[in-house]
Amino acid sequence: MTGWAFFLAALITFLLSHAIPVRPGVRGRLIETLGRRGYFAGYSALSLLVLAWLIVAAAQAPYVEVIPPFAIFRWAPLLVMPVVCWLAVAGLSIQNPFSFGGMGHRAFDPENPGILRTTRHPILAALMLWAGAHLLANGSLSHVILFGLFAGFAVMGMALIDRRKAREMGMEWTRLSRNTARFSLRPPRPWPRRWVWLTSIAIFMVLLHLHASVIGLSPLP
């Protein structure tokens, strides 16, 4: 199986692998069988494998130009990825009652929400920016579908999670979220600690170094 058939198979598998295991009935049975830790470990491993397949399939699909390969668009990932890394690390470094990803130990303070003042969904915001930047730099039809899917997932995910959390939290939603935003240009308050910045830079440099060998294409314009 090659070309568009290979890409279509990977795309359908990716969508099904993210739609079926999270359905309440299926999710409950899988957790009962595998345990919560086993379920999340298995789901994460499956997601990464299917994602790798989808990326390879997109690269091997026949080239159909959608966005012209302007030289300036090659700069988009290089300029945006440091922000992506920073958002992801900052989002993981704090507690987040509004979205997934928060692993911090310090309790959430609605008066000083940190990165959540910029976005309640730092991980999804990072995904959205990553996808948008790579869509510009890879304007073939298969990559537009691939990165457009991720960007759309991130945007819709923000709205859906906000709606679900507001329903679950009731009046607490209004109190806790008053100084946060779904996605904005407002600076964090307070700014992330120094180690967040240093970790973000380190991750960006590692990604920059490994990109050519792993993806097969230099990220440099």
N, C-alpha and C. Protein backbone atom coordinates (compact mmCIF):
# COMPACT_ATOMS: atom_id res chain seq x y z
N MET A 1 0.84 -1.19 0.00
CA MET A 1 0.00 0.00 0.00
C MET A 1 0.89 1.25 0.00
N THR A 2 0.68 2.11 -0.97
CA THR A 2 1.51 3.30 -1.08
C THR A 2 0.64 4.51 -1.42
N GLY A 3 1.28 5.68 -1.48
CA GLY A 3 0.61 6.88 -1.95
C GLY A 3 -0.56 7.29 -1.10
N TRP A 4 -1.63 7.71 -1.76
CA TRP A 4 -2.80 8.23 -1.06
C TRP A 4 -3.51 7.16 -0.24
N ALA A 5 -3.47 5.92 -0.69
CA ALA A 5 -4.11 4.84 0.07
C ALA A 5 -3.43 4.65 1.42
N PHE A 6 -2.11 4.73 1.41
CA PHE A 6 -1.33 4.60 2.64
C PHE A 6 -1.65 5.75 3.59
N PHE A 7 -1.72 6.96 3.05
CA PHE A 7 -2.04 8.13 3.87
C PHE A 7 -3.46 8.04 4.40
N LEU A 8 -4.41 7.64 3.55
CA LEU A 8 -5.81 7.54 3.98
C LEU A 8 -5.97 6.49 5.08
N ALA A 9 -5.29 5.37 4.95
CA ALA A 9 -5.36 4.33 5.98
C ALA A 9 -4.81 4.84 7.30
N ALA A 10 -3.70 5.56 7.24
CA ALA A 10 -3.11 6.12 8.46
C ALA A 10 -4.03 7.16 9.08
N LEU A 11 -4.64 7.99 8.25
CA LEU A 11 -5.53 9.04 8.75
C LEU A 11 -6.76 8.45 9.42
N ILE A 12 -7.38 7.45 8.80
CA ILE A 12 -8.56 6.81 9.37
C ILE A 12 -8.20 6.11 10.68
N THR A 13 -7.06 5.42 10.69
CA THR A 13 -6.62 4.74 11.92
C THR A 13 -6.38 5.75 13.03
N PHE A 14 -5.77 6.88 12.68
CA PHE A 14 -5.53 7.92 13.68
C PHE A 14 -6.83 8.43 14.28
N LEU A 15 -7.80 8.71 13.43
CA LEU A 15 -9.08 9.24 13.91
C LEU A 15 -9.80 8.20 14.77
N LEU A 16 -9.81 6.95 14.34
CA LEU A 16 -10.49 5.90 15.10
C LEU A 16 -9.78 5.64 16.43
N SER A 17 -8.45 5.69 16.42
CA SER A 17 -7.70 5.42 17.65
C SER A 17 -7.91 6.50 18.70
N HIS A 18 -8.36 7.67 18.27
CA HIS A 18 -8.64 8.74 19.23
C HIS A 18 -10.13 8.88 19.54
N ALA A 19 -10.96 8.24 18.74
CA ALA A 19 -12.40 8.34 18.96
C ALA A 19 -12.96 7.17 19.76
N ILE A 20 -12.48 5.96 19.47
CA ILE A 20 -13.07 4.77 20.09
C ILE A 20 -12.62 4.58 21.55
N PRO A 21 -11.31 4.60 21.85
CA PRO A 21 -10.89 4.29 23.23
C PRO A 21 -11.38 5.27 24.29
N VAL A 22 -11.77 6.49 23.87
CA VAL A 22 -12.21 7.47 24.86
C VAL A 22 -13.72 7.49 25.04
N ARG A 23 -14.45 6.70 24.28
CA ARG A 23 -15.90 6.62 24.49
C ARG A 23 -16.18 6.04 25.87
N PRO A 24 -17.13 6.61 26.61
CA PRO A 24 -17.33 6.20 28.01
C PRO A 24 -17.42 4.70 28.23
N GLY A 25 -18.22 4.01 27.39
CA GLY A 25 -18.38 2.58 27.57
C GLY A 25 -17.09 1.81 27.31
N VAL A 26 -16.42 2.14 26.21
CA VAL A 26 -15.18 1.46 25.86
C VAL A 26 -14.10 1.80 26.87
N ARG A 27 -14.01 3.09 27.22
CA ARG A 27 -12.98 3.53 28.18
C ARG A 27 -13.14 2.81 29.51
N GLY A 28 -14.39 2.70 29.97
CA GLY A 28 -14.64 2.02 31.24
C GLY A 28 -14.21 0.57 31.22
N ARG A 29 -14.53 -0.14 30.13
CA ARG A 29 -14.15 -1.55 30.04
C ARG A 29 -12.64 -1.72 29.95
N LEU A 30 -11.98 -0.82 29.21
CA LEU A 30 -10.53 -0.91 29.09
C LEU A 30 -9.84 -0.64 30.43
N ILE A 31 -10.33 0.34 31.18
CA ILE A 31 -9.75 0.63 32.49
C ILE A 31 -9.99 -0.54 33.45
N GLU A 32 -11.17 -1.13 33.35
CA GLU A 32 -11.48 -2.29 34.21
C GLU A 32 -10.55 -3.46 33.90
N THR A 33 -10.21 -3.63 32.62
CA THR A 33 -9.35 -4.74 32.20
C THR A 33 -7.87 -4.45 32.44
N LEU A 34 -7.44 -3.24 32.07
CA LEU A 34 -6.01 -2.91 32.09
C LEU A 34 -5.59 -2.15 33.34
N GLY A 35 -6.56 -1.58 34.06
CA GLY A 35 -6.24 -0.66 35.14
C GLY A 35 -6.04 0.73 34.57
N ARG A 36 -6.21 1.75 35.43
CA ARG A 36 -6.11 3.12 34.93
C ARG A 36 -4.71 3.41 34.35
N ARG A 37 -3.67 2.98 35.07
CA ARG A 37 -2.32 3.23 34.59
C ARG A 37 -2.05 2.49 33.29
N GLY A 38 -2.50 1.26 33.20
CA GLY A 38 -2.32 0.48 31.98
C GLY A 38 -3.06 1.07 30.81
N TYR A 39 -4.27 1.58 31.08
CA TYR A 39 -5.07 2.19 30.01
C TYR A 39 -4.35 3.41 29.44
N PHE A 40 -3.90 4.32 30.31
CA PHE A 40 -3.26 5.54 29.84
C PHE A 40 -1.92 5.25 29.19
N ALA A 41 -1.18 4.26 29.71
CA ALA A 41 0.10 3.90 29.09
C ALA A 41 -0.13 3.31 27.70
N GLY A 42 -1.10 2.42 27.61
CA GLY A 42 -1.40 1.80 26.32
C GLY A 42 -1.94 2.81 25.32
N TYR A 43 -2.82 3.68 25.79
CA TYR A 43 -3.41 4.70 24.90
C TYR A 43 -2.33 5.66 24.40
N SER A 44 -1.41 6.04 25.27
CA SER A 44 -0.33 6.94 24.88
C SER A 44 0.59 6.27 23.86
N ALA A 45 0.95 5.01 24.11
CA ALA A 45 1.83 4.29 23.19
C ALA A 45 1.17 4.14 21.82
N LEU A 46 -0.12 3.77 21.82
CA LEU A 46 -0.85 3.63 20.57
C LEU A 46 -0.91 4.95 19.81
N SER A 47 -1.18 6.03 20.53
CA SER A 47 -1.28 7.34 19.90
C SER A 47 0.03 7.74 19.25
N LEU A 48 1.15 7.49 19.93
CA LEU A 48 2.46 7.85 19.38
C LEU A 48 2.79 7.02 18.15
N LEU A 49 2.47 5.73 18.18
CA LEU A 49 2.75 4.87 17.03
C LEU A 49 1.93 5.28 15.81
N VAL A 50 0.65 5.54 16.03
CA VAL A 50 -0.21 5.92 14.91
C VAL A 50 0.18 7.31 14.39
N LEU A 51 0.57 8.20 15.30
CA LEU A 51 1.02 9.52 14.88
C LEU A 51 2.26 9.42 14.01
N ALA A 52 3.21 8.56 14.40
CA ALA A 52 4.43 8.37 13.60
C ALA A 52 4.07 7.83 12.22
N TRP A 53 3.15 6.89 12.17
CA TRP A 53 2.69 6.33 10.90
C TRP A 53 2.07 7.42 10.03
N LEU A 54 1.24 8.26 10.63
CA LEU A 54 0.56 9.32 9.88
C LEU A 54 1.56 10.33 9.32
N ILE A 55 2.58 10.68 10.09
CA ILE A 55 3.59 11.63 9.62
C ILE A 55 4.37 11.05 8.46
N VAL A 56 4.76 9.78 8.57
CA VAL A 56 5.48 9.11 7.47
C VAL A 56 4.60 9.03 6.23
N ALA A 57 3.33 8.68 6.43
CA ALA A 57 2.41 8.55 5.30
C ALA A 57 2.19 9.89 4.60
N ALA A 58 2.11 10.97 5.37
CA ALA A 58 1.93 12.30 4.77
C ALA A 58 3.14 12.67 3.92
N ALA A 59 4.33 12.31 4.39
CA ALA A 59 5.55 12.63 3.65
C ALA A 59 5.65 11.82 2.36
N GLN A 60 5.06 10.62 2.34
CA GLN A 60 5.16 9.74 1.18
C GLN A 60 4.02 9.92 0.20
N ALA A 61 3.00 10.70 0.57
CA ALA A 61 1.86 10.92 -0.33
C ALA A 61 2.29 11.74 -1.54
N PRO A 62 1.64 11.57 -2.69
CA PRO A 62 1.99 12.36 -3.87
C PRO A 62 1.87 13.86 -3.58
N TYR A 63 2.77 14.63 -4.16
CA TYR A 63 2.79 16.08 -3.90
C TYR A 63 1.71 16.77 -4.72
N VAL A 64 0.81 17.44 -4.00
CA VAL A 64 -0.21 18.28 -4.61
C VAL A 64 -0.12 19.64 -3.92
N GLU A 65 0.28 20.67 -4.64
CA GLU A 65 0.51 21.97 -4.01
C GLU A 65 -0.80 22.64 -3.63
N VAL A 66 -0.88 23.07 -2.38
CA VAL A 66 -2.01 23.85 -1.89
C VAL A 66 -1.53 25.25 -1.51
N ILE A 67 -0.44 25.31 -0.74
CA ILE A 67 0.17 26.58 -0.35
C ILE A 67 1.51 26.69 -1.06
N PRO A 68 1.73 27.74 -1.82
CA PRO A 68 3.00 27.88 -2.54
C PRO A 68 4.18 27.85 -1.57
N PRO A 69 5.29 27.25 -1.98
CA PRO A 69 6.46 27.13 -1.07
C PRO A 69 7.27 28.42 -1.01
N PHE A 70 6.65 29.48 -0.51
CA PHE A 70 7.38 30.73 -0.36
C PHE A 70 8.50 30.55 0.66
N ALA A 71 9.64 31.15 0.38
CA ALA A 71 10.80 31.01 1.27
C ALA A 71 10.50 31.53 2.67
N ILE A 72 9.71 32.58 2.76
CA ILE A 72 9.43 33.17 4.08
C ILE A 72 8.67 32.20 4.98
N PHE A 73 7.86 31.30 4.38
CA PHE A 73 7.09 30.35 5.18
C PHE A 73 7.99 29.31 5.84
N ARG A 74 9.20 29.10 5.29
CA ARG A 74 10.12 28.15 5.92
C ARG A 74 10.59 28.64 7.28
N TRP A 75 10.46 29.96 7.52
CA TRP A 75 10.87 30.53 8.80
C TRP A 75 9.82 30.31 9.89
N ALA A 76 8.59 30.01 9.51
CA ALA A 76 7.50 29.94 10.50
C ALA A 76 7.78 28.94 11.62
N PRO A 77 8.14 27.68 11.33
CA PRO A 77 8.41 26.75 12.44
C PRO A 77 9.59 27.19 13.30
N LEU A 78 10.63 27.71 12.66
CA LEU A 78 11.82 28.11 13.42
C LEU A 78 11.51 29.23 14.40
N LEU A 79 10.61 30.14 14.02
CA LEU A 79 10.26 31.26 14.89
C LEU A 79 9.20 30.88 15.93
N VAL A 80 8.32 29.98 15.57
CA VAL A 80 7.19 29.65 16.45
C VAL A 80 7.53 28.54 17.45
N MET A 81 8.42 27.63 17.08
CA MET A 81 8.68 26.48 17.95
C MET A 81 9.24 26.85 19.33
N PRO A 82 10.07 27.89 19.48
CA PRO A 82 10.46 28.27 20.85
C PRO A 82 9.26 28.63 21.71
N VAL A 83 8.26 29.29 21.12
CA VAL A 83 7.04 29.64 21.85
C VAL A 83 6.26 28.37 22.19
N VAL A 84 6.22 27.44 21.24
CA VAL A 84 5.54 26.16 21.46
C VAL A 84 6.15 25.42 22.64
N CYS A 85 7.48 25.32 22.65
CA CYS A 85 8.16 24.63 23.75
C CYS A 85 7.90 25.32 25.08
N TRP A 86 7.95 26.65 25.07
CA TRP A 86 7.72 27.41 26.30
C TRP A 86 6.30 27.21 26.82
N LEU A 87 5.31 27.25 25.94
CA LEU A 87 3.92 27.04 26.35
C LEU A 87 3.74 25.65 26.95
N ALA A 88 4.33 24.66 26.30
CA ALA A 88 4.16 23.28 26.77
C ALA A 88 4.80 23.09 28.15
N VAL A 89 6.02 23.57 28.32
CA VAL A 89 6.71 23.40 29.60
C VAL A 89 6.01 24.22 30.69
N ALA A 90 5.62 25.46 30.36
CA ALA A 90 4.92 26.29 31.34
C ALA A 90 3.58 25.67 31.73
N GLY A 91 2.90 25.07 30.76
CA GLY A 91 1.62 24.43 31.05
C GLY A 91 1.75 23.22 31.93
N LEU A 92 2.85 22.47 31.76
CA LEU A 92 3.07 21.29 32.59
C LEU A 92 3.57 21.64 33.99
N SER A 93 4.10 22.84 34.15
CA SER A 93 4.77 23.19 35.40
C SER A 93 3.83 23.66 36.51
N ILE A 94 2.54 23.85 36.19
CA ILE A 94 1.60 24.35 37.19
C ILE A 94 0.39 23.43 37.28
N GLN A 95 -0.39 23.61 38.31
CA GLN A 95 -1.66 22.91 38.40
C GLN A 95 -2.69 23.62 37.52
N ASN A 96 -3.50 22.84 36.83
CA ASN A 96 -4.46 23.41 35.90
C ASN A 96 -5.83 22.75 36.10
N PRO A 97 -6.77 23.44 36.75
CA PRO A 97 -8.08 22.86 36.96
C PRO A 97 -8.98 22.94 35.73
N PHE A 98 -8.50 23.56 34.65
CA PHE A 98 -9.35 23.81 33.49
C PHE A 98 -9.04 22.93 32.29
N SER A 99 -7.89 22.28 32.27
CA SER A 99 -7.51 21.50 31.10
C SER A 99 -6.52 20.43 31.53
N PHE A 100 -6.08 19.62 30.57
CA PHE A 100 -5.14 18.56 30.92
C PHE A 100 -3.71 19.06 30.77
N GLY A 101 -2.79 18.35 31.37
CA GLY A 101 -1.38 18.67 31.23
C GLY A 101 -0.72 19.22 32.48
N GLY A 102 -1.48 19.91 33.35
CA GLY A 102 -0.88 20.52 34.52
C GLY A 102 -0.37 19.49 35.51
N MET A 103 0.91 19.54 35.83
CA MET A 103 1.52 18.56 36.74
C MET A 103 2.23 19.24 37.90
N GLY A 104 2.00 20.54 38.08
CA GLY A 104 2.70 21.27 39.13
C GLY A 104 2.21 20.89 40.51
N HIS A 105 3.00 21.23 41.52
CA HIS A 105 2.67 20.91 42.91
C HIS A 105 2.00 22.09 43.63
N ARG A 106 2.29 23.30 43.18
CA ARG A 106 1.72 24.47 43.85
C ARG A 106 0.24 24.60 43.51
N ALA A 107 -0.60 24.85 44.51
CA ALA A 107 -2.04 24.96 44.29
C ALA A 107 -2.36 26.12 43.36
N PHE A 108 -3.40 25.97 42.55
CA PHE A 108 -3.81 27.02 41.62
C PHE A 108 -4.33 28.22 42.39
N ASP A 109 -3.87 29.41 42.01
CA ASP A 109 -4.29 30.67 42.64
C ASP A 109 -5.05 31.50 41.60
N PRO A 110 -6.36 31.66 41.75
CA PRO A 110 -7.12 32.42 40.74
C PRO A 110 -6.71 33.87 40.62
N GLU A 111 -6.05 34.43 41.66
CA GLU A 111 -5.58 35.81 41.57
C GLU A 111 -4.26 35.91 40.81
N ASN A 112 -3.50 34.84 40.81
CA ASN A 112 -2.22 34.80 40.10
C ASN A 112 -2.15 33.50 39.30
N PRO A 113 -2.86 33.45 38.18
CA PRO A 113 -3.02 32.19 37.45
C PRO A 113 -1.84 31.79 36.58
N GLY A 114 -0.78 32.62 36.56
CA GLY A 114 0.39 32.26 35.77
C GLY A 114 0.09 32.20 34.29
N ILE A 115 0.54 31.13 33.63
CA ILE A 115 0.36 30.98 32.18
C ILE A 115 -1.11 30.87 31.81
N LEU A 116 -1.96 30.48 32.77
CA LEU A 116 -3.39 30.34 32.48
C LEU A 116 -4.04 31.70 32.24
N ARG A 117 -3.36 32.77 32.60
CA ARG A 117 -3.85 34.11 32.25
C ARG A 117 -3.76 34.33 30.75
N THR A 118 -2.78 33.69 30.12
CA THR A 118 -2.62 33.76 28.67
C THR A 118 -3.54 32.76 27.98
N THR A 119 -3.55 31.54 28.48
CA THR A 119 -4.43 30.52 27.93
C THR A 119 -4.70 29.45 28.98
N ARG A 120 -5.97 29.06 29.09
CA ARG A 120 -6.33 27.98 30.02
C ARG A 120 -5.85 26.63 29.50
N HIS A 121 -5.44 26.60 28.24
CA HIS A 121 -5.08 25.34 27.60
C HIS A 121 -3.68 25.43 26.96
N PRO A 122 -2.64 25.52 27.78
CA PRO A 122 -1.29 25.71 27.22
C PRO A 122 -0.86 24.59 26.28
N ILE A 123 -1.21 23.35 26.60
CA ILE A 123 -0.80 22.23 25.75
C ILE A 123 -1.51 22.30 24.41
N LEU A 124 -2.81 22.58 24.42
CA LEU A 124 -3.56 22.69 23.17
C LEU A 124 -3.13 23.92 22.38
N ALA A 125 -2.80 25.00 23.07
CA ALA A 125 -2.31 26.19 22.39
C ALA A 125 -0.97 25.89 21.71
N ALA A 126 -0.11 25.14 22.39
CA ALA A 126 1.16 24.74 21.79
C ALA A 126 0.93 23.87 20.56
N LEU A 127 -0.01 22.95 20.65
CA LEU A 127 -0.35 22.09 19.51
C LEU A 127 -0.87 22.92 18.34
N MET A 128 -1.72 23.88 18.62
CA MET A 128 -2.29 24.74 17.58
C MET A 128 -1.20 25.53 16.86
N LEU A 129 -0.27 26.12 17.62
CA LEU A 129 0.79 26.91 17.02
C LEU A 129 1.77 26.02 16.25
N TRP A 130 2.08 24.87 16.80
CA TRP A 130 2.96 23.91 16.11
C TRP A 130 2.35 23.52 14.76
N ALA A 131 1.09 23.18 14.77
CA ALA A 131 0.42 22.75 13.54
C ALA A 131 0.34 23.89 12.54
N GLY A 132 -0.04 25.08 12.98
CA GLY A 132 -0.16 26.21 12.07
C GLY A 132 1.16 26.57 11.41
N ALA A 133 2.24 26.58 12.19
CA ALA A 133 3.55 26.93 11.64
C ALA A 133 4.01 25.88 10.63
N HIS A 134 3.80 24.59 10.94
CA HIS A 134 4.24 23.54 10.03
C HIS A 134 3.34 23.45 8.80
N LEU A 135 2.10 23.84 8.93
CA LEU A 135 1.21 23.88 7.76
C LEU A 135 1.72 24.88 6.74
N LEU A 136 2.16 26.05 7.20
CA LEU A 136 2.69 27.06 6.29
C LEU A 136 3.96 26.58 5.60
N ALA A 137 4.80 25.87 6.34
CA ALA A 137 6.09 25.44 5.79
C ALA A 137 5.97 24.18 4.93
N ASN A 138 4.84 23.47 5.04
CA ASN A 138 4.64 22.23 4.29
C ASN A 138 3.28 22.31 3.61
N GLY A 139 3.24 22.97 2.47
CA GLY A 139 1.95 23.31 1.85
C GLY A 139 1.37 22.29 0.91
N SER A 140 1.87 21.04 0.92
CA SER A 140 1.26 20.01 0.08
C SER A 140 -0.08 19.59 0.67
N LEU A 141 -0.91 18.98 -0.16
CA LEU A 141 -2.25 18.61 0.27
C LEU A 141 -2.24 17.68 1.49
N SER A 142 -1.36 16.68 1.47
CA SER A 142 -1.33 15.73 2.59
C SER A 142 -0.93 16.42 3.89
N HIS A 143 0.01 17.36 3.82
CA HIS A 143 0.44 18.06 5.03
C HIS A 143 -0.58 19.10 5.48
N VAL A 144 -1.28 19.70 4.54
CA VAL A 144 -2.35 20.62 4.91
C VAL A 144 -3.45 19.86 5.66
N ILE A 145 -3.76 18.66 5.18
CA ILE A 145 -4.75 17.82 5.89
C ILE A 145 -4.23 17.44 7.27
N LEU A 146 -2.97 17.00 7.32
CA LEU A 146 -2.37 16.55 8.58
C LEU A 146 -2.34 17.67 9.61
N PHE A 147 -1.70 18.78 9.27
CA PHE A 147 -1.53 19.85 10.25
C PHE A 147 -2.83 20.62 10.47
N GLY A 148 -3.67 20.69 9.44
CA GLY A 148 -4.99 21.30 9.63
C GLY A 148 -5.84 20.51 10.61
N LEU A 149 -5.70 19.18 10.57
CA LEU A 149 -6.42 18.32 11.51
C LEU A 149 -5.99 18.62 12.94
N PHE A 150 -4.67 18.73 13.17
CA PHE A 150 -4.17 19.01 14.51
C PHE A 150 -4.59 20.39 15.00
N ALA A 151 -4.49 21.39 14.11
CA ALA A 151 -4.89 22.74 14.50
C ALA A 151 -6.37 22.80 14.83
N GLY A 152 -7.19 22.15 13.99
CA GLY A 152 -8.63 22.12 14.26
C GLY A 152 -8.96 21.38 15.54
N PHE A 153 -8.26 20.27 15.79
CA PHE A 153 -8.46 19.52 17.03
C PHE A 153 -8.16 20.40 18.24
N ALA A 154 -7.07 21.17 18.16
CA ALA A 154 -6.69 22.02 19.29
C ALA A 154 -7.73 23.10 19.55
N VAL A 155 -8.17 23.77 18.49
CA VAL A 155 -9.14 24.86 18.65
C VAL A 155 -10.47 24.32 19.18
N MET A 156 -10.96 23.24 18.58
CA MET A 156 -12.22 22.67 19.05
C MET A 156 -12.09 22.10 20.46
N GLY A 157 -10.91 21.54 20.75
CA GLY A 157 -10.68 21.00 22.08
C GLY A 157 -10.78 22.05 23.16
N MET A 158 -10.25 23.24 22.90
CA MET A 158 -10.35 24.33 23.88
C MET A 158 -11.80 24.65 24.19
N ALA A 159 -12.62 24.78 23.14
CA ALA A 159 -14.03 25.12 23.34
C ALA A 159 -14.78 24.01 24.05
N LEU A 160 -14.53 22.76 23.66
CA LEU A 160 -15.25 21.63 24.26
C LEU A 160 -14.87 21.45 25.72
N ILE A 161 -13.58 21.58 26.03
CA ILE A 161 -13.15 21.41 27.41
C ILE A 161 -13.70 22.54 28.28
N ASP A 162 -13.69 23.77 27.77
CA ASP A 162 -14.27 24.88 28.52
C ASP A 162 -15.73 24.62 28.84
N ARG A 163 -16.47 24.14 27.84
CA ARG A 163 -17.89 23.88 28.04
C ARG A 163 -18.10 22.78 29.07
N ARG A 164 -17.31 21.71 28.98
CA ARG A 164 -17.47 20.61 29.92
C ARG A 164 -17.07 21.02 31.33
N LYS A 165 -15.96 21.75 31.47
CA LYS A 165 -15.51 22.16 32.79
C LYS A 165 -16.49 23.15 33.43
N ALA A 166 -17.06 24.05 32.62
CA ALA A 166 -18.03 25.00 33.16
C ALA A 166 -19.26 24.25 33.68
N ARG A 167 -19.65 23.21 32.98
CA ARG A 167 -20.80 22.42 33.41
C ARG A 167 -20.47 21.64 34.68
N GLU A 168 -19.29 21.07 34.76
CA GLU A 168 -18.90 20.26 35.92
C GLU A 168 -18.65 21.12 37.16
N MET A 169 -18.04 22.29 36.97
CA MET A 169 -17.61 23.11 38.10
C MET A 169 -18.70 24.07 38.58
N GLY A 170 -19.70 24.32 37.75
CA GLY A 170 -20.80 25.20 38.16
C GLY A 170 -20.31 26.61 38.50
N MET A 171 -20.71 27.11 39.65
CA MET A 171 -20.35 28.47 40.06
C MET A 171 -18.85 28.63 40.29
N GLU A 172 -18.18 27.55 40.62
CA GLU A 172 -16.74 27.61 40.82
C GLU A 172 -16.01 28.01 39.54
N TRP A 173 -16.60 27.66 38.40
CA TRP A 173 -15.99 28.03 37.12
C TRP A 173 -15.84 29.54 37.02
N THR A 174 -16.89 30.26 37.34
CA THR A 174 -16.86 31.72 37.25
C THR A 174 -15.82 32.31 38.19
N ARG A 175 -15.75 31.78 39.39
CA ARG A 175 -14.81 32.31 40.39
C ARG A 175 -13.36 32.01 40.01
N LEU A 176 -13.10 30.79 39.61
CA LEU A 176 -11.72 30.38 39.36
C LEU A 176 -11.18 30.88 38.02
N SER A 177 -12.05 31.03 37.03
CA SER A 177 -11.58 31.35 35.68
C SER A 177 -11.59 32.84 35.36
N ARG A 178 -11.95 33.68 36.33
CA ARG A 178 -12.19 35.10 36.02
C ARG A 178 -10.93 35.81 35.51
N ASN A 179 -9.76 35.35 35.90
CA ASN A 179 -8.52 36.00 35.45
C ASN A 179 -7.78 35.17 34.40
N THR A 180 -8.49 34.24 33.76
CA THR A 180 -7.88 33.40 32.74
C THR A 180 -8.54 33.69 31.40
N ALA A 181 -8.00 33.09 30.35
CA ALA A 181 -8.56 33.27 29.01
C ALA A 181 -8.42 31.96 28.23
N ARG A 182 -9.33 31.73 27.31
CA ARG A 182 -9.19 30.55 26.46
C ARG A 182 -7.90 30.64 25.66
N PHE A 183 -7.67 31.78 25.02
CA PHE A 183 -6.42 32.04 24.30
C PHE A 183 -6.31 33.54 24.09
N SER A 184 -5.21 34.12 24.52
CA SER A 184 -5.08 35.57 24.43
C SER A 184 -3.60 35.93 24.30
N LEU A 185 -3.33 37.21 24.16
CA LEU A 185 -1.96 37.72 24.13
C LEU A 185 -1.58 38.37 25.46
N ARG A 186 -2.41 38.19 26.48
CA ARG A 186 -2.07 38.76 27.79
C ARG A 186 -0.88 38.03 28.38
N PRO A 187 0.05 38.75 28.99
CA PRO A 187 1.23 38.09 29.58
C PRO A 187 0.83 37.30 30.83
N PRO A 188 1.57 36.26 31.15
CA PRO A 188 1.30 35.50 32.38
C PRO A 188 1.47 36.37 33.62
N ARG A 189 0.79 35.96 34.69
CA ARG A 189 0.96 36.65 35.98
C ARG A 189 0.86 35.63 37.09
N PRO A 190 1.98 35.31 37.73
CA PRO A 190 3.36 35.75 37.47
C PRO A 190 3.94 35.02 36.26
N TRP A 191 5.10 35.51 35.78
CA TRP A 191 5.79 34.83 34.70
C TRP A 191 6.34 33.50 35.20
N PRO A 192 6.47 32.51 34.30
CA PRO A 192 7.05 31.23 34.71
C PRO A 192 8.45 31.41 35.28
N ARG A 193 8.86 30.47 36.12
CA ARG A 193 10.17 30.55 36.75
C ARG A 193 11.29 30.32 35.74
N ARG A 194 12.51 30.64 36.17
CA ARG A 194 13.65 30.59 35.26
C ARG A 194 13.85 29.20 34.67
N TRP A 195 13.63 28.15 35.48
CA TRP A 195 13.87 26.80 34.98
C TRP A 195 12.94 26.45 33.83
N VAL A 196 11.76 27.06 33.78
CA VAL A 196 10.84 26.82 32.66
C VAL A 196 11.45 27.35 31.36
N TRP A 197 12.02 28.55 31.44
CA TRP A 197 12.65 29.14 30.26
C TRP A 197 13.85 28.31 29.80
N LEU A 198 14.69 27.91 30.75
CA LEU A 198 15.89 27.14 30.40
C LEU A 198 15.51 25.77 29.83
N THR A 199 14.51 25.13 30.42
CA THR A 199 14.06 23.84 29.91
C THR A 199 13.49 23.98 28.51
N SER A 200 12.72 25.03 28.28
CA SER A 200 12.13 25.27 26.96
C SER A 200 13.20 25.45 25.90
N ILE A 201 14.23 26.22 26.23
CA ILE A 201 15.33 26.43 25.29
C ILE A 201 16.05 25.12 25.00
N ALA A 202 16.28 24.33 26.05
CA ALA A 202 16.97 23.05 25.87
C ALA A 202 16.16 22.12 24.97
N ILE A 203 14.85 22.04 25.20
CA ILE A 203 14.00 21.18 24.38
C ILE A 203 14.01 21.65 22.93
N PHE A 204 13.93 22.95 22.72
CA PHE A 204 13.95 23.48 21.36
C PHE A 204 15.25 23.12 20.66
N MET A 205 16.36 23.24 21.34
CA MET A 205 17.65 22.92 20.73
C MET A 205 17.75 21.44 20.39
N VAL A 206 17.22 20.58 21.27
CA VAL A 206 17.22 19.15 20.99
C VAL A 206 16.36 18.84 19.77
N LEU A 207 15.18 19.42 19.70
CA LEU A 207 14.30 19.21 18.54
C LEU A 207 14.96 19.71 17.26
N LEU A 208 15.62 20.85 17.35
CA LEU A 208 16.29 21.41 16.19
C LEU A 208 17.41 20.47 15.71
N HIS A 209 18.12 19.89 16.67
CA HIS A 209 19.23 19.00 16.34
C HIS A 209 18.75 17.68 15.75
N LEU A 210 17.65 17.14 16.26
CA LEU A 210 17.19 15.82 15.85
C LEU A 210 16.26 15.84 14.64
N HIS A 211 15.77 17.02 14.27
CA HIS A 211 14.74 17.11 13.24
C HIS A 211 15.17 16.45 11.93
N ALA A 212 16.35 16.76 11.46
CA ALA A 212 16.81 16.24 10.16
C ALA A 212 16.94 14.72 10.20
N SER A 213 17.51 14.17 11.28
CA SER A 213 17.73 12.73 11.35
C SER A 213 16.44 11.96 11.58
N VAL A 214 15.51 12.53 12.34
CA VAL A 214 14.26 11.82 12.65
C VAL A 214 13.22 12.04 11.55
N ILE A 215 13.03 13.29 11.13
CA ILE A 215 11.98 13.62 10.15
C ILE A 215 12.50 13.49 8.73
N GLY A 216 13.82 13.66 8.57
CA GLY A 216 14.40 13.55 7.24
C GLY A 216 14.45 14.86 6.48
N LEU A 217 14.23 15.97 7.18
CA LEU A 217 14.24 17.28 6.54
C LEU A 217 14.82 18.29 7.51
N SER A 218 15.74 19.13 7.02
CA SER A 218 16.34 20.14 7.89
C SER A 218 15.30 21.22 8.22
N PRO A 219 15.22 21.63 9.50
CA PRO A 219 14.27 22.68 9.87
C PRO A 219 14.78 24.08 9.53
N LEU A 220 16.02 24.19 9.11
CA LEU A 220 16.60 25.50 8.81
C LEU A 220 16.14 25.97 7.43
N PRO A 221 15.78 27.24 7.30
CA PRO A 221 15.31 27.77 6.00
C PRO A 221 16.39 27.64 4.91
